[in-house]
Amino acid sequence: MQQLLARPGDAAALADPARPVFASMITGRSLGEGILPAGLGLDAAMFEALWRRYFPGPPLPLVAGRPEDIPELDDIEHLLLNCRSGRRESELWLARIVAWGCAGRDHLWQDLGLANRKELSLLMTTGFHPLAALNTGDMKWKKFIYRQYCERDGIYVCPAPSCGECI
């Protein structure tokens, strides 16, 4: 991770508090951690833009994870997009990445390939502050995101951490 953070980036990327989180996810994917696809769930153009702006230089070989196929993927992404902090383009990428992270069975920070829950909390508070501010009970992030998703759509709020448990 430190090798990635030592790379130059454009001014906006260097100032983005999510840069260390991206570095951690990319490092995790290079080690086979988490369930994200090799491009973190981003399409090729988006991942290339992230790489070029945040960590220019030779790419790390990333291992493709095995996310589950969840029908609510786009809905979760839209929930996150509606709760963006509204400051950076990286929030658009993070919404897609976090939605893909919800397609795993472990804690969200683990499914994202992050080193710990603290990194996920940084991601959530910087990228999705309006949503993160609602998590006053320090609920696990994946369960919290699903609870918000269900409540937004008027769905019965169940104790399961993902919709795959209810179907």
Foldseek 3Di string as FASTA:
>chain_A
DVVQLPADADPVLVPQLCLVVVVQLQVLQLVVFAAAAQLLQDPPVVSVVCCRGRGDDDGRRGHHGHFADDPCLVVLLVVQVVQFPPDDPVLNVVSNNQSSLLRDDDQSCRNSSGPDVVSVLSCCCNTRVVLSVVPPVVPRVQLSSVQVSCVVVVHDRDNDSHCVVVD
